[in-house]
Amino acid sequence: MTVFILNLWVFMEILFLMIICSVSLAVIFLIIFIIGARKGQFEDDESPAVRMLFDDEIKTEEEPAAPQKK
């Protein structure tokens, strides 16, 4: 019976340690997210990857008109 209680205590210590580590890691990520949000990291709605898709529209506007056949 004492071995079972000892194993249960070790299991509970590990469980408490895992909970503390996971909550600490979550708080660190939350702080990093808040710092990024305050500095404007997430305010770019149209990123360069999306702007690349619209390059063709800009390029076609800049092309000279084709000469008309007579």
N, C-alpha and C. Protein backbone atom coordinates (compact mmCIF):
# COMPACT_ATOMS: atom_id res chain seq x y z
N MET A 1 0.82 -1.20 0.00
CA MET A 1 0.00 0.00 0.00
C MET A 1 0.86 1.25 0.00
N THR A 2 1.97 1.23 0.72
CA THR A 2 2.82 2.42 0.77
C THR A 2 3.49 2.67 -0.58
N VAL A 3 3.77 1.61 -1.33
CA VAL A 3 4.37 1.78 -2.65
C VAL A 3 3.37 2.47 -3.58
N PHE A 4 2.10 2.09 -3.48
CA PHE A 4 1.07 2.71 -4.30
C PHE A 4 0.94 4.19 -3.97
N ILE A 5 0.96 4.52 -2.69
CA ILE A 5 0.85 5.92 -2.27
C ILE A 5 2.06 6.71 -2.73
N LEU A 6 3.25 6.11 -2.66
CA LEU A 6 4.46 6.77 -3.11
C LEU A 6 4.41 7.02 -4.62
N ASN A 7 3.97 6.01 -5.39
CA ASN A 7 3.85 6.17 -6.83
C ASN A 7 2.81 7.23 -7.18
N LEU A 8 1.72 7.28 -6.43
CA LEU A 8 0.70 8.28 -6.66
C LEU A 8 1.24 9.68 -6.38
N TRP A 9 2.05 9.81 -5.32
CA TRP A 9 2.62 11.11 -4.99
C TRP A 9 3.59 11.58 -6.07
N VAL A 10 4.40 10.67 -6.60
CA VAL A 10 5.33 11.02 -7.67
C VAL A 10 4.54 11.43 -8.91
N PHE A 11 3.48 10.71 -9.22
CA PHE A 11 2.64 11.06 -10.35
C PHE A 11 2.03 12.44 -10.18
N MET A 12 1.58 12.76 -8.98
CA MET A 12 0.98 14.07 -8.74
C MET A 12 2.02 15.19 -8.84
N GLU A 13 3.25 14.92 -8.37
CA GLU A 13 4.30 15.92 -8.49
C GLU A 13 4.60 16.21 -9.95
N ILE A 14 4.68 15.17 -10.76
CA ILE A 14 4.94 15.34 -12.19
C ILE A 14 3.78 16.09 -12.84
N LEU A 15 2.56 15.75 -12.44
CA LEU A 15 1.40 16.43 -13.01
C LEU A 15 1.40 17.91 -12.66
N PHE A 16 1.71 18.25 -11.42
CA PHE A 16 1.78 19.66 -11.03
C PHE A 16 2.89 20.38 -11.79
N LEU A 17 4.02 19.73 -11.97
CA LEU A 17 5.13 20.32 -12.71
C LEU A 17 4.73 20.57 -14.16
N MET A 18 4.04 19.63 -14.78
CA MET A 18 3.60 19.79 -16.17
C MET A 18 2.58 20.94 -16.29
N ILE A 19 1.68 21.06 -15.33
CA ILE A 19 0.70 22.14 -15.36
C ILE A 19 1.40 23.49 -15.22
N ILE A 20 2.34 23.59 -14.31
CA ILE A 20 3.07 24.84 -14.12
C ILE A 20 3.85 25.20 -15.38
N CYS A 21 4.51 24.22 -16.00
CA CYS A 21 5.28 24.48 -17.22
C CYS A 21 4.37 24.92 -18.37
N SER A 22 3.23 24.26 -18.53
CA SER A 22 2.35 24.62 -19.64
C SER A 22 1.70 25.98 -19.44
N VAL A 23 1.33 26.32 -18.24
CA VAL A 23 0.76 27.65 -17.97
C VAL A 23 1.83 28.72 -18.16
N SER A 24 3.04 28.44 -17.73
CA SER A 24 4.13 29.41 -17.92
C SER A 24 4.40 29.63 -19.40
N LEU A 25 4.42 28.57 -20.18
CA LEU A 25 4.64 28.70 -21.62
C LEU A 25 3.50 29.46 -22.28
N ALA A 26 2.27 29.22 -21.85
CA ALA A 26 1.13 29.96 -22.40
C ALA A 26 1.22 31.44 -22.07
N VAL A 27 1.66 31.77 -20.88
CA VAL A 27 1.82 33.18 -20.49
C VAL A 27 2.91 33.84 -21.32
N ILE A 28 4.00 33.12 -21.58
CA ILE A 28 5.09 33.68 -22.40
C ILE A 28 4.57 33.97 -23.81
N PHE A 29 3.83 33.02 -24.41
CA PHE A 29 3.29 33.25 -25.75
C PHE A 29 2.28 34.39 -25.76
N LEU A 30 1.49 34.52 -24.71
CA LEU A 30 0.53 35.62 -24.62
C LEU A 30 1.25 36.96 -24.56
N ILE A 31 2.32 37.03 -23.79
CA ILE A 31 3.09 38.28 -23.70
C ILE A 31 3.71 38.62 -25.04
N ILE A 32 4.26 37.62 -25.73
CA ILE A 32 4.84 37.87 -27.05
C ILE A 32 3.77 38.34 -28.03
N PHE A 33 2.58 37.74 -27.97
CA PHE A 33 1.48 38.15 -28.84
C PHE A 33 1.06 39.59 -28.56
N ILE A 34 0.94 39.95 -27.29
CA ILE A 34 0.53 41.31 -26.93
C ILE A 34 1.57 42.33 -27.39
N ILE A 35 2.85 42.01 -27.23
CA ILE A 35 3.90 42.92 -27.68
C ILE A 35 3.82 43.10 -29.19
N GLY A 36 3.63 42.00 -29.91
CA GLY A 36 3.52 42.09 -31.37
C GLY A 36 2.30 42.87 -31.81
N ALA A 37 1.19 42.70 -31.12
CA ALA A 37 -0.03 43.43 -31.48
C ALA A 37 0.11 44.92 -31.20
N ARG A 38 0.78 45.28 -30.14
CA ARG A 38 0.97 46.71 -29.83
C ARG A 38 1.92 47.39 -30.81
N LYS A 39 2.87 46.63 -31.34
CA LYS A 39 3.82 47.21 -32.29
C LYS A 39 3.29 47.21 -33.72
N GLY A 40 2.08 46.70 -33.93
CA GLY A 40 1.47 46.73 -35.25
C GLY A 40 1.86 45.58 -36.15
N GLN A 41 2.29 44.49 -35.58
CA GLN A 41 2.73 43.34 -36.37
C GLN A 41 1.58 42.73 -37.19
N PHE A 42 0.37 42.81 -36.69
CA PHE A 42 -0.75 42.13 -37.32
C PHE A 42 -1.69 43.09 -38.05
N GLU A 43 -1.25 44.31 -38.34
CA GLU A 43 -2.13 45.29 -38.96
C GLU A 43 -2.05 45.31 -40.48
N ASP A 44 -1.15 44.57 -41.08
CA ASP A 44 -1.00 44.55 -42.53
C ASP A 44 -2.03 43.58 -43.11
N ASP A 45 -3.14 44.15 -43.62
CA ASP A 45 -4.19 43.29 -44.15
C ASP A 45 -3.83 42.71 -45.51
N GLU A 46 -3.09 43.48 -46.29
CA GLU A 46 -2.73 43.03 -47.63
C GLU A 46 -1.23 42.82 -47.66
N SER A 47 -0.81 41.62 -47.39
CA SER A 47 0.61 41.32 -47.29
C SER A 47 1.26 41.22 -48.67
N PRO A 48 2.58 41.21 -48.72
CA PRO A 48 3.26 41.10 -50.01
C PRO A 48 2.88 39.83 -50.78
N ALA A 49 2.55 38.76 -50.09
CA ALA A 49 2.16 37.54 -50.78
C ALA A 49 0.84 37.74 -51.54
N VAL A 50 -0.06 38.53 -50.98
CA VAL A 50 -1.33 38.79 -51.66
C VAL A 50 -1.13 39.84 -52.75
N ARG A 51 -0.29 40.82 -52.50
CA ARG A 51 -0.02 41.84 -53.51
C ARG A 51 0.59 41.25 -54.77
N MET A 52 1.31 40.16 -54.63
CA MET A 52 1.92 39.51 -55.77
C MET A 52 0.85 39.02 -56.76
N LEU A 53 -0.31 38.66 -56.25
CA LEU A 53 -1.37 38.18 -57.12
C LEU A 53 -1.96 39.29 -57.98
N PHE A 54 -1.84 40.52 -57.54
CA PHE A 54 -2.41 41.65 -58.27
C PHE A 54 -1.39 42.33 -59.19
N ASP A 55 -0.19 41.81 -59.29
CA ASP A 55 0.83 42.41 -60.15
C ASP A 55 0.43 42.39 -61.61
N ASP A 56 -0.28 41.37 -62.07
CA ASP A 56 -0.68 41.29 -63.47
C ASP A 56 -1.61 42.44 -63.85
N GLU A 57 -2.50 42.81 -62.95
CA GLU A 57 -3.41 43.92 -63.24
C GLU A 57 -2.64 45.22 -63.44
N ILE A 58 -1.66 45.46 -62.64
CA ILE A 58 -0.85 46.67 -62.76
C ILE A 58 -0.03 46.62 -64.04
N LYS A 59 0.50 45.47 -64.36
CA LYS A 59 1.33 45.33 -65.54
C LYS A 59 0.52 45.55 -66.81
N THR A 60 -0.72 45.07 -66.88
CA THR A 60 -1.52 45.25 -68.09
C THR A 60 -1.90 46.71 -68.29
N GLU A 61 -2.04 47.47 -67.23
CA GLU A 61 -2.39 48.88 -67.36
C GLU A 61 -1.21 49.68 -67.91
N GLU A 62 0.00 49.25 -67.65
CA GLU A 62 1.18 49.98 -68.09
C GLU A 62 1.57 49.67 -69.54
N GLU A 63 1.06 48.58 -70.11
CA GLU A 63 1.42 48.21 -71.48
C GLU A 63 0.81 49.21 -72.46
N PRO A 64 1.56 49.58 -73.48
CA PRO A 64 1.02 50.52 -74.48
C PRO A 64 -0.07 49.84 -75.30
N ALA A 65 -0.95 50.65 -75.81
CA ALA A 65 -2.04 50.12 -76.63
C ALA A 65 -1.50 49.58 -77.95
N ALA A 66 -2.07 48.49 -78.41
CA ALA A 66 -1.62 47.89 -79.67
C ALA A 66 -2.05 48.79 -80.83
N PRO A 67 -1.19 48.95 -81.86
CA PRO A 67 -1.57 49.79 -82.99
C PRO A 67 -2.74 49.17 -83.75
N GLN A 68 -3.62 50.01 -84.20
CA GLN A 68 -4.81 49.52 -84.93
C GLN A 68 -4.46 49.27 -86.38
N LYS A 69 -5.03 48.22 -86.94
CA LYS A 69 -4.80 47.90 -88.35
C LYS A 69 -5.68 48.77 -89.23
N LYS A 70 -5.15 49.20 -90.37
CA LYS A 70 -5.92 50.05 -91.28
C LYS A 70 -6.40 49.27 -92.46
